[in-house]
N, C-alpha and C. Protein backbone atom coordinates (compact mmCIF):
# COMPACT_ATOMS: atom_id res chain seq x y z
N MET A 1 0.84 -1.18 0.00
CA MET A 1 -0.01 0.01 -0.01
C MET A 1 0.87 1.23 0.01
N LYS A 2 0.50 2.23 -0.82
CA LYS A 2 1.28 3.45 -0.92
C LYS A 2 1.01 4.36 0.26
N GLN A 3 2.02 5.18 0.57
CA GLN A 3 1.85 6.15 1.61
C GLN A 3 1.06 7.33 1.04
N ARG A 4 0.10 7.83 1.77
CA ARG A 4 -0.78 8.90 1.33
C ARG A 4 -0.08 10.25 1.50
N SER A 5 -0.38 11.19 0.60
CA SER A 5 0.17 12.53 0.74
C SER A 5 -0.67 13.35 1.70
N PHE A 6 -0.13 14.50 2.12
CA PHE A 6 -0.87 15.38 3.03
C PHE A 6 -2.15 15.89 2.38
N ALA A 7 -2.11 16.14 1.06
CA ALA A 7 -3.31 16.63 0.37
C ALA A 7 -4.44 15.59 0.43
N SER A 8 -4.08 14.32 0.18
CA SER A 8 -5.12 13.30 0.21
C SER A 8 -5.62 13.04 1.64
N LEU A 9 -4.74 13.20 2.62
CA LEU A 9 -5.18 13.04 4.00
C LEU A 9 -6.12 14.17 4.43
N SER A 10 -5.84 15.38 3.96
CA SER A 10 -6.74 16.50 4.28
C SER A 10 -8.07 16.32 3.53
N PHE A 11 -8.03 15.69 2.37
CA PHE A 11 -9.28 15.41 1.65
C PHE A 11 -10.13 14.41 2.41
N ASP A 12 -9.49 13.46 3.09
CA ASP A 12 -10.23 12.48 3.91
C ASP A 12 -10.89 13.16 5.11
N ALA A 13 -10.32 14.23 5.59
CA ALA A 13 -10.80 14.88 6.80
C ALA A 13 -12.02 15.78 6.55
N LYS A 14 -12.40 16.01 5.29
CA LYS A 14 -13.54 16.89 5.06
C LYS A 14 -14.81 16.25 5.60
N LYS A 15 -15.79 17.06 5.88
CA LYS A 15 -16.94 16.59 6.61
C LYS A 15 -18.00 15.87 5.77
N LYS A 16 -18.26 16.33 4.56
CA LYS A 16 -19.38 15.78 3.80
C LYS A 16 -18.88 15.19 2.48
N PRO A 17 -19.28 13.94 2.17
CA PRO A 17 -18.90 13.38 0.88
C PRO A 17 -19.75 14.01 -0.23
N THR A 18 -19.15 14.27 -1.36
CA THR A 18 -19.86 14.87 -2.49
C THR A 18 -20.68 13.83 -3.23
N ARG A 19 -21.57 14.28 -4.11
CA ARG A 19 -22.36 13.36 -4.94
C ARG A 19 -21.44 12.55 -5.82
N ARG A 20 -20.39 13.17 -6.33
CA ARG A 20 -19.44 12.45 -7.19
C ARG A 20 -18.79 11.31 -6.43
N GLU A 21 -18.38 11.56 -5.20
CA GLU A 21 -17.75 10.53 -4.38
C GLU A 21 -18.72 9.38 -4.09
N LYS A 22 -19.96 9.73 -3.81
CA LYS A 22 -20.96 8.69 -3.56
C LYS A 22 -21.18 7.83 -4.80
N PHE A 23 -21.31 8.49 -5.94
CA PHE A 23 -21.52 7.79 -7.19
C PHE A 23 -20.34 6.88 -7.52
N LEU A 24 -19.14 7.41 -7.40
CA LEU A 24 -17.95 6.60 -7.71
C LEU A 24 -17.80 5.43 -6.70
N GLY A 25 -18.20 5.66 -5.47
CA GLY A 25 -18.17 4.57 -4.48
C GLY A 25 -19.15 3.46 -4.85
N GLU A 26 -20.35 3.85 -5.30
CA GLU A 26 -21.34 2.85 -5.73
C GLU A 26 -20.82 2.09 -6.94
N MET A 27 -20.26 2.79 -7.89
CA MET A 27 -19.77 2.14 -9.10
C MET A 27 -18.59 1.23 -8.82
N ASP A 28 -17.77 1.60 -7.83
CA ASP A 28 -16.64 0.77 -7.48
C ASP A 28 -17.12 -0.59 -6.96
N GLU A 29 -18.27 -0.59 -6.29
CA GLU A 29 -18.82 -1.85 -5.77
C GLU A 29 -19.55 -2.64 -6.84
N VAL A 30 -20.17 -1.95 -7.79
CA VAL A 30 -21.06 -2.61 -8.77
C VAL A 30 -20.27 -3.19 -9.95
N VAL A 31 -19.30 -2.46 -10.48
CA VAL A 31 -18.59 -2.89 -11.67
C VAL A 31 -17.70 -4.09 -11.36
N PRO A 32 -17.75 -5.15 -12.16
CA PRO A 32 -16.88 -6.33 -11.93
C PRO A 32 -15.47 -6.08 -12.48
N TRP A 33 -14.64 -5.37 -11.73
CA TRP A 33 -13.34 -4.97 -12.19
C TRP A 33 -12.43 -6.16 -12.54
N ALA A 34 -12.47 -7.19 -11.74
CA ALA A 34 -11.63 -8.36 -11.98
C ALA A 34 -11.97 -9.04 -13.30
N ASP A 35 -13.26 -9.13 -13.60
CA ASP A 35 -13.69 -9.76 -14.86
C ASP A 35 -13.26 -8.91 -16.05
N LEU A 36 -13.39 -7.60 -15.91
CA LEU A 36 -13.01 -6.70 -17.01
C LEU A 36 -11.49 -6.71 -17.26
N LEU A 37 -10.72 -6.76 -16.17
CA LEU A 37 -9.26 -6.83 -16.33
C LEU A 37 -8.85 -8.15 -16.94
N ALA A 38 -9.59 -9.23 -16.65
CA ALA A 38 -9.29 -10.53 -17.26
C ALA A 38 -9.54 -10.48 -18.77
N LEU A 39 -10.47 -9.67 -19.22
CA LEU A 39 -10.72 -9.49 -20.65
C LEU A 39 -9.61 -8.71 -21.32
N ILE A 40 -9.09 -7.70 -20.63
CA ILE A 40 -8.14 -6.77 -21.22
C ILE A 40 -6.69 -7.29 -21.16
N GLU A 41 -6.28 -7.86 -20.06
CA GLU A 41 -4.86 -8.16 -19.85
C GLU A 41 -4.21 -9.07 -20.88
N PRO A 42 -4.89 -10.07 -21.46
CA PRO A 42 -4.19 -10.89 -22.44
C PRO A 42 -3.67 -10.13 -23.65
N SER A 43 -4.36 -9.09 -24.07
CA SER A 43 -3.91 -8.34 -25.27
C SER A 43 -3.34 -6.97 -24.91
N TYR A 44 -3.26 -6.61 -23.64
CA TYR A 44 -2.72 -5.31 -23.25
C TYR A 44 -1.23 -5.27 -23.40
N PRO A 45 -0.66 -4.19 -23.94
CA PRO A 45 0.80 -4.12 -24.14
C PRO A 45 1.53 -4.16 -22.81
N THR A 46 2.69 -4.80 -22.83
CA THR A 46 3.51 -4.90 -21.64
C THR A 46 4.76 -4.07 -21.79
N ALA A 47 5.46 -3.87 -20.71
CA ALA A 47 6.72 -3.11 -20.75
C ALA A 47 7.75 -3.93 -21.51
N GLY A 48 8.76 -3.27 -22.00
CA GLY A 48 9.81 -3.94 -22.75
C GLY A 48 9.90 -3.44 -24.17
N ARG A 49 8.88 -2.78 -24.64
CA ARG A 49 8.93 -2.17 -25.96
C ARG A 49 9.60 -0.78 -25.83
N ARG A 50 9.83 -0.18 -26.96
CA ARG A 50 10.41 1.15 -26.93
C ARG A 50 9.38 2.16 -26.47
N GLY A 51 9.83 3.31 -25.98
CA GLY A 51 8.92 4.37 -25.56
C GLY A 51 8.58 4.31 -24.12
N ARG A 52 7.53 5.02 -23.77
CA ARG A 52 7.07 5.07 -22.39
C ARG A 52 6.50 3.75 -21.97
N PRO A 53 6.71 3.37 -20.72
CA PRO A 53 6.04 2.17 -20.23
C PRO A 53 4.54 2.42 -20.16
N PRO A 54 3.71 1.41 -20.45
CA PRO A 54 2.26 1.61 -20.44
C PRO A 54 1.76 1.82 -19.01
N MET A 55 0.65 2.53 -18.93
CA MET A 55 -0.03 2.71 -17.63
C MET A 55 -0.63 1.38 -17.24
N PRO A 56 -0.82 1.12 -15.94
CA PRO A 56 -1.46 -0.12 -15.51
C PRO A 56 -2.87 -0.21 -16.12
N PRO A 57 -3.27 -1.40 -16.56
CA PRO A 57 -4.60 -1.53 -17.16
C PRO A 57 -5.75 -1.21 -16.21
N SER A 58 -5.56 -1.46 -14.93
CA SER A 58 -6.64 -1.14 -13.97
C SER A 58 -6.87 0.36 -13.89
N VAL A 59 -5.81 1.14 -13.93
CA VAL A 59 -5.93 2.60 -13.90
C VAL A 59 -6.63 3.10 -15.17
N MET A 60 -6.18 2.60 -16.32
CA MET A 60 -6.75 3.07 -17.59
C MET A 60 -8.22 2.64 -17.74
N LEU A 61 -8.55 1.47 -17.22
CA LEU A 61 -9.93 1.02 -17.29
C LEU A 61 -10.84 1.91 -16.44
N ARG A 62 -10.41 2.27 -15.27
CA ARG A 62 -11.21 3.14 -14.41
C ARG A 62 -11.34 4.52 -15.01
N ILE A 63 -10.26 5.03 -15.63
CA ILE A 63 -10.32 6.33 -16.29
C ILE A 63 -11.30 6.26 -17.46
N HIS A 64 -11.26 5.18 -18.19
CA HIS A 64 -12.18 5.01 -19.35
C HIS A 64 -13.63 5.03 -18.88
N PHE A 65 -13.93 4.36 -17.80
CA PHE A 65 -15.29 4.34 -17.27
C PHE A 65 -15.72 5.73 -16.82
N MET A 66 -14.85 6.43 -16.11
CA MET A 66 -15.20 7.79 -15.67
C MET A 66 -15.43 8.71 -16.86
N GLN A 67 -14.64 8.53 -17.89
CA GLN A 67 -14.79 9.36 -19.09
C GLN A 67 -16.16 9.12 -19.73
N GLN A 68 -16.62 7.90 -19.72
CA GLN A 68 -17.92 7.57 -20.27
C GLN A 68 -19.06 8.06 -19.38
N TRP A 69 -18.93 7.88 -18.06
CA TRP A 69 -19.97 8.28 -17.14
C TRP A 69 -20.21 9.77 -17.15
N TYR A 70 -19.12 10.54 -17.22
CA TYR A 70 -19.23 12.00 -17.14
C TYR A 70 -19.17 12.66 -18.53
N ALA A 71 -19.14 11.87 -19.58
CA ALA A 71 -19.12 12.39 -20.97
C ALA A 71 -18.01 13.41 -21.18
N LEU A 72 -16.77 13.02 -20.83
CA LEU A 72 -15.63 13.91 -20.95
C LEU A 72 -14.80 13.56 -22.16
N SER A 73 -14.30 14.58 -22.84
CA SER A 73 -13.37 14.35 -23.94
C SER A 73 -12.02 13.94 -23.35
N ASP A 74 -11.09 13.56 -24.20
CA ASP A 74 -9.78 13.15 -23.73
C ASP A 74 -9.05 14.29 -22.99
N PRO A 75 -9.00 15.53 -23.56
CA PRO A 75 -8.35 16.64 -22.82
C PRO A 75 -9.10 16.95 -21.52
N ALA A 76 -10.42 16.90 -21.55
CA ALA A 76 -11.20 17.20 -20.34
C ALA A 76 -10.96 16.14 -19.25
N MET A 77 -10.80 14.89 -19.64
CA MET A 77 -10.52 13.84 -18.66
C MET A 77 -9.15 14.03 -18.04
N GLU A 78 -8.18 14.41 -18.85
CA GLU A 78 -6.84 14.70 -18.31
C GLU A 78 -6.91 15.83 -17.30
N ASP A 79 -7.62 16.92 -17.66
CA ASP A 79 -7.77 18.06 -16.76
C ASP A 79 -8.50 17.64 -15.47
N ALA A 80 -9.52 16.82 -15.60
CA ALA A 80 -10.28 16.38 -14.43
C ALA A 80 -9.39 15.57 -13.48
N LEU A 81 -8.50 14.75 -14.04
CA LEU A 81 -7.60 13.99 -13.19
C LEU A 81 -6.65 14.90 -12.41
N TYR A 82 -6.24 15.99 -13.02
CA TYR A 82 -5.38 16.92 -12.30
C TYR A 82 -6.17 17.73 -11.26
N GLU A 83 -7.41 18.06 -11.55
CA GLU A 83 -8.15 18.98 -10.71
C GLU A 83 -9.00 18.32 -9.61
N ILE A 84 -9.54 17.12 -9.86
CA ILE A 84 -10.53 16.55 -8.97
C ILE A 84 -9.97 15.35 -8.21
N GLU A 85 -9.84 15.52 -6.92
CA GLU A 85 -9.24 14.49 -6.05
C GLU A 85 -10.03 13.19 -6.08
N SER A 86 -11.34 13.26 -6.06
CA SER A 86 -12.15 12.04 -6.01
C SER A 86 -11.96 11.19 -7.25
N MET A 87 -11.77 11.82 -8.40
CA MET A 87 -11.53 11.07 -9.64
C MET A 87 -10.13 10.43 -9.60
N ARG A 88 -9.15 11.15 -9.13
CA ARG A 88 -7.80 10.56 -9.01
C ARG A 88 -7.84 9.37 -8.03
N ARG A 89 -8.55 9.54 -6.95
CA ARG A 89 -8.62 8.47 -5.94
C ARG A 89 -9.30 7.23 -6.53
N PHE A 90 -10.39 7.45 -7.31
CA PHE A 90 -11.10 6.32 -7.93
C PHE A 90 -10.19 5.60 -8.91
N ALA A 91 -9.38 6.35 -9.65
CA ALA A 91 -8.45 5.75 -10.61
C ALA A 91 -7.25 5.09 -9.95
N GLY A 92 -7.01 5.42 -8.69
CA GLY A 92 -5.87 4.86 -7.98
C GLY A 92 -4.58 5.61 -8.24
N LEU A 93 -4.71 6.93 -8.45
CA LEU A 93 -3.56 7.77 -8.72
C LEU A 93 -3.33 8.74 -7.57
N GLU A 94 -2.07 9.03 -7.30
CA GLU A 94 -1.69 10.03 -6.32
C GLU A 94 -0.97 11.13 -7.09
N LEU A 95 -1.39 12.35 -6.91
CA LEU A 95 -0.91 13.46 -7.76
C LEU A 95 0.60 13.67 -7.66
N ASN A 96 1.16 13.59 -6.49
CA ASN A 96 2.60 13.85 -6.32
C ASN A 96 3.47 12.66 -6.67
N GLU A 97 2.92 11.46 -6.72
CA GLU A 97 3.73 10.26 -6.89
C GLU A 97 3.55 9.58 -8.23
N ASP A 98 2.33 9.50 -8.72
CA ASP A 98 2.04 8.76 -9.94
C ASP A 98 1.98 9.68 -11.14
N ALA A 99 2.27 9.12 -12.30
CA ALA A 99 2.13 9.85 -13.55
C ALA A 99 0.65 9.88 -13.90
N ILE A 100 0.16 11.05 -14.24
CA ILE A 100 -1.22 11.22 -14.68
C ILE A 100 -1.21 11.01 -16.20
N PRO A 101 -2.06 10.11 -16.72
CA PRO A 101 -2.03 9.86 -18.17
C PRO A 101 -2.48 11.12 -18.94
N ASP A 102 -1.78 11.39 -20.02
CA ASP A 102 -2.16 12.54 -20.83
C ASP A 102 -3.27 12.15 -21.79
N GLU A 103 -3.79 13.13 -22.55
CA GLU A 103 -4.92 12.88 -23.42
C GLU A 103 -4.60 11.87 -24.51
N THR A 104 -3.34 11.82 -24.97
CA THR A 104 -2.97 10.85 -26.00
C THR A 104 -3.02 9.43 -25.46
N THR A 105 -2.58 9.24 -24.24
CA THR A 105 -2.63 7.92 -23.61
C THR A 105 -4.08 7.47 -23.45
N ILE A 106 -4.95 8.37 -23.05
CA ILE A 106 -6.36 8.05 -22.89
C ILE A 106 -6.98 7.66 -24.23
N LEU A 107 -6.63 8.44 -25.27
CA LEU A 107 -7.11 8.16 -26.62
C LEU A 107 -6.64 6.79 -27.09
N LYS A 108 -5.36 6.49 -26.88
CA LYS A 108 -4.81 5.21 -27.33
C LYS A 108 -5.45 4.04 -26.61
N PHE A 109 -5.81 4.20 -25.34
CA PHE A 109 -6.48 3.12 -24.62
C PHE A 109 -7.87 2.87 -25.21
N ARG A 110 -8.60 3.94 -25.49
CA ARG A 110 -9.93 3.78 -26.08
C ARG A 110 -9.85 3.12 -27.44
N ARG A 111 -8.86 3.49 -28.25
CA ARG A 111 -8.67 2.84 -29.55
C ARG A 111 -8.24 1.39 -29.40
N PHE A 112 -7.46 1.10 -28.39
CA PHE A 112 -7.07 -0.30 -28.11
C PHE A 112 -8.33 -1.14 -27.82
N LEU A 113 -9.24 -0.60 -27.02
CA LEU A 113 -10.47 -1.32 -26.73
C LEU A 113 -11.29 -1.55 -28.00
N GLU A 114 -11.36 -0.55 -28.85
CA GLU A 114 -12.14 -0.67 -30.09
C GLU A 114 -11.51 -1.64 -31.05
N GLN A 115 -10.18 -1.61 -31.21
CA GLN A 115 -9.53 -2.46 -32.14
C GLN A 115 -9.60 -3.94 -31.77
N HIS A 116 -9.59 -4.24 -30.51
CA HIS A 116 -9.66 -5.63 -30.08
C HIS A 116 -11.08 -6.09 -29.77
N GLY A 117 -12.07 -5.25 -30.02
CA GLY A 117 -13.45 -5.63 -29.81
C GLY A 117 -13.80 -5.84 -28.35
N LEU A 118 -13.11 -5.15 -27.46
CA LEU A 118 -13.30 -5.36 -26.03
C LEU A 118 -14.42 -4.52 -25.46
N ALA A 119 -14.79 -3.45 -26.13
CA ALA A 119 -15.82 -2.58 -25.59
C ALA A 119 -17.16 -3.29 -25.51
N ALA A 120 -17.52 -4.07 -26.53
CA ALA A 120 -18.78 -4.82 -26.50
C ALA A 120 -18.75 -5.91 -25.43
N LYS A 121 -17.60 -6.57 -25.28
CA LYS A 121 -17.48 -7.62 -24.26
C LYS A 121 -17.59 -7.01 -22.85
N MET A 122 -16.96 -5.86 -22.68
CA MET A 122 -17.02 -5.18 -21.39
C MET A 122 -18.44 -4.77 -21.06
N LEU A 123 -19.15 -4.25 -22.06
CA LEU A 123 -20.53 -3.82 -21.85
C LEU A 123 -21.40 -5.02 -21.44
N ALA A 124 -21.18 -6.17 -22.06
CA ALA A 124 -21.95 -7.37 -21.73
C ALA A 124 -21.64 -7.83 -20.30
N ALA A 125 -20.37 -7.76 -19.89
CA ALA A 125 -20.01 -8.14 -18.52
C ALA A 125 -20.61 -7.19 -17.49
N VAL A 126 -20.58 -5.91 -17.81
CA VAL A 126 -21.12 -4.93 -16.89
C VAL A 126 -22.64 -5.06 -16.80
N ASN A 127 -23.28 -5.34 -17.92
CA ASN A 127 -24.74 -5.50 -17.94
C ASN A 127 -25.15 -6.70 -17.09
N GLY A 128 -24.40 -7.77 -17.15
CA GLY A 128 -24.71 -8.94 -16.34
C GLY A 128 -24.63 -8.63 -14.87
N GLN A 129 -23.60 -7.92 -14.46
CA GLN A 129 -23.43 -7.56 -13.06
C GLN A 129 -24.45 -6.49 -12.65
N ALA A 130 -24.71 -5.55 -13.54
CA ALA A 130 -25.61 -4.44 -13.22
C ALA A 130 -27.06 -4.92 -13.06
N ALA A 131 -27.43 -5.95 -13.80
CA ALA A 131 -28.77 -6.48 -13.63
C ALA A 131 -28.99 -6.99 -12.22
N LYS A 132 -27.97 -7.56 -11.63
CA LYS A 132 -28.05 -8.03 -10.26
C LYS A 132 -28.11 -6.87 -9.26
N ALA A 133 -27.46 -5.73 -9.61
CA ALA A 133 -27.41 -4.61 -8.70
C ALA A 133 -28.47 -3.55 -9.00
N CYS A 134 -29.41 -3.85 -9.88
CA CYS A 134 -30.50 -2.94 -10.22
C CYS A 134 -30.01 -1.62 -10.79
N CYS A 135 -29.19 -1.68 -11.81
CA CYS A 135 -28.72 -0.47 -12.47
C CYS A 135 -29.09 -0.50 -13.94
N CYS A 136 -29.26 0.64 -14.51
CA CYS A 136 -29.55 0.76 -15.94
C CYS A 136 -28.23 1.02 -16.64
N VAL A 137 -27.89 0.25 -17.62
CA VAL A 137 -26.67 0.44 -18.37
C VAL A 137 -26.99 0.60 -19.84
N ARG A 138 -26.55 1.71 -20.40
CA ARG A 138 -26.68 1.93 -21.84
C ARG A 138 -25.30 2.00 -22.41
N GLU A 139 -25.22 2.13 -23.72
CA GLU A 139 -23.93 2.06 -24.38
C GLU A 139 -22.97 3.17 -23.95
N ARG A 140 -23.47 4.39 -23.74
CA ARG A 140 -22.57 5.49 -23.37
C ARG A 140 -22.83 6.03 -21.99
N SER A 141 -23.82 5.54 -21.28
CA SER A 141 -24.04 6.11 -19.95
C SER A 141 -24.37 5.04 -18.94
N TRP A 142 -24.30 5.38 -17.71
CA TRP A 142 -24.47 4.46 -16.60
C TRP A 142 -25.14 5.22 -15.48
N THR A 143 -26.34 4.86 -15.12
CA THR A 143 -27.08 5.57 -14.07
C THR A 143 -27.70 4.59 -13.10
N PRO A 144 -27.45 4.72 -11.80
CA PRO A 144 -28.12 3.87 -10.86
C PRO A 144 -29.61 4.21 -10.79
N ARG A 145 -30.45 3.21 -10.64
CA ARG A 145 -31.88 3.46 -10.57
C ARG A 145 -32.26 4.19 -9.31
N SER A 146 -31.46 4.08 -8.28
CA SER A 146 -31.78 4.72 -7.00
C SER A 146 -31.47 6.20 -7.02
N SER A 147 -31.01 6.73 -8.12
CA SER A 147 -30.62 8.13 -8.20
C SER A 147 -31.85 9.01 -8.00
N ARG A 148 -31.71 10.06 -7.23
CA ARG A 148 -32.81 10.97 -6.99
C ARG A 148 -32.94 11.97 -8.12
N HIS A 149 -31.93 12.12 -8.92
CA HIS A 149 -31.89 13.14 -9.95
C HIS A 149 -32.32 12.58 -11.32
N ARG A 150 -33.56 12.19 -11.42
CA ARG A 150 -34.08 11.72 -12.69
C ARG A 150 -34.64 12.90 -13.46
N PRO A 151 -34.57 12.85 -14.76
CA PRO A 151 -35.19 13.95 -15.52
C PRO A 151 -36.69 13.93 -15.37
N ARG A 152 -37.27 15.11 -15.21
CA ARG A 152 -38.69 15.24 -15.07
C ARG A 152 -39.37 15.09 -16.40
N PRO A 153 -40.56 14.51 -16.43
CA PRO A 153 -41.29 14.47 -17.70
C PRO A 153 -41.75 15.87 -18.07
N ARG A 154 -41.75 16.14 -19.36
CA ARG A 154 -42.14 17.45 -19.84
C ARG A 154 -43.67 17.58 -19.74
N THR A 155 -44.10 18.68 -19.23
CA THR A 155 -45.52 18.94 -19.16
C THR A 155 -45.91 19.90 -20.28
N ARG A 156 -47.18 20.03 -20.48
CA ARG A 156 -47.64 20.91 -21.55
C ARG A 156 -47.21 22.35 -21.31
N ALA A 157 -47.24 22.79 -20.06
CA ALA A 157 -46.86 24.16 -19.75
C ALA A 157 -45.37 24.39 -20.04
N ASN A 158 -44.56 23.39 -19.78
CA ASN A 158 -43.10 23.55 -20.00
C ASN A 158 -42.75 23.49 -21.49
N SER A 159 -43.52 22.83 -22.29
CA SER A 159 -43.17 22.65 -23.68
C SER A 159 -43.54 23.84 -24.54
N VAL A 160 -44.41 24.73 -24.02
CA VAL A 160 -44.79 25.91 -24.78
C VAL A 160 -43.72 26.98 -24.61
N THR A 161 -43.27 27.53 -25.72
CA THR A 161 -42.27 28.58 -25.66
C THR A 161 -42.90 29.91 -25.99
N ARG A 162 -42.43 30.94 -25.34
CA ARG A 162 -42.94 32.28 -25.61
C ARG A 162 -42.19 32.85 -26.82
N ARG A 163 -42.89 33.68 -27.54
CA ARG A 163 -42.26 34.30 -28.68
C ARG A 163 -41.41 35.50 -28.25
N CYS A 164 -41.94 36.29 -27.38
CA CYS A 164 -41.25 37.53 -27.00
C CYS A 164 -41.45 37.76 -25.49
N ALA A 165 -40.38 37.98 -24.78
CA ALA A 165 -40.47 38.19 -23.35
C ALA A 165 -40.49 39.68 -23.03
N ARG A 166 -40.09 40.54 -23.97
CA ARG A 166 -40.06 41.98 -23.70
C ARG A 166 -41.36 42.63 -24.17
N ARG A 167 -41.67 43.71 -23.53
CA ARG A 167 -42.85 44.48 -23.93
C ARG A 167 -42.51 45.29 -25.15
N ARG A 168 -43.54 45.56 -25.92
CA ARG A 168 -43.37 46.42 -27.11
C ARG A 168 -43.28 47.87 -26.64
N ARG A 169 -42.55 48.62 -27.41
CA ARG A 169 -42.48 50.07 -27.16
C ARG A 169 -43.71 50.75 -27.68
N ALA A 170 -44.04 51.81 -27.06
CA ALA A 170 -45.18 52.60 -27.53
C ALA A 170 -44.82 53.26 -28.86
N SER A 171 -45.75 53.34 -29.76
CA SER A 171 -45.46 53.90 -31.08
C SER A 171 -45.88 55.35 -31.18
N SER A 172 -45.80 56.08 -30.07
CA SER A 172 -46.25 57.47 -30.08
C SER A 172 -45.20 58.39 -30.66
N GLY A 173 -44.04 57.89 -30.96
CA GLY A 173 -42.99 58.72 -31.54
C GLY A 173 -42.03 59.28 -30.52
N THR A 174 -42.30 59.10 -29.26
CA THR A 174 -41.35 59.57 -28.23
C THR A 174 -40.43 58.45 -27.87
N SER A 175 -39.24 58.78 -27.56
CA SER A 175 -38.28 57.75 -27.14
C SER A 175 -38.27 57.76 -25.62
N GLY A 176 -38.01 56.66 -25.11
CA GLY A 176 -37.96 56.70 -23.67
C GLY A 176 -37.92 55.39 -23.12
């Protein structure tokens, strides 16, 4: 186990967990990480080639899921990992100690999943586990059914749009 930094220890001392932390905690319990890693690891590149050593597959997999859940682009995901402690913690990264993957690394991982046909297999594995945990899983999003923030159905009053919200000026010829 790695030694925690002062920043992460002070993050632990805060009083109230955020909605993001609660959501990531639920997803950490629901998603079958071991099964997904078993799908990825046989074809995942290993160290020994030229260039940078690859990021651990568990870290990249968690980053990929967060990117899908929060609909973040590759540069936005990189920025979020630098800025948001709860996302770094979910990915298993420590800001002062671990390398944060850049947008190119995130892009290459997503392309790796697509090239090897792993995205569909991962979705099937997650759907099987999510059915047991009462979650709705779609191709690009993941929402627990117990979420209080469901979209409201549109009512007739909400669907009507006004043409003009400002009053007309008087046509008496005076300005004012």
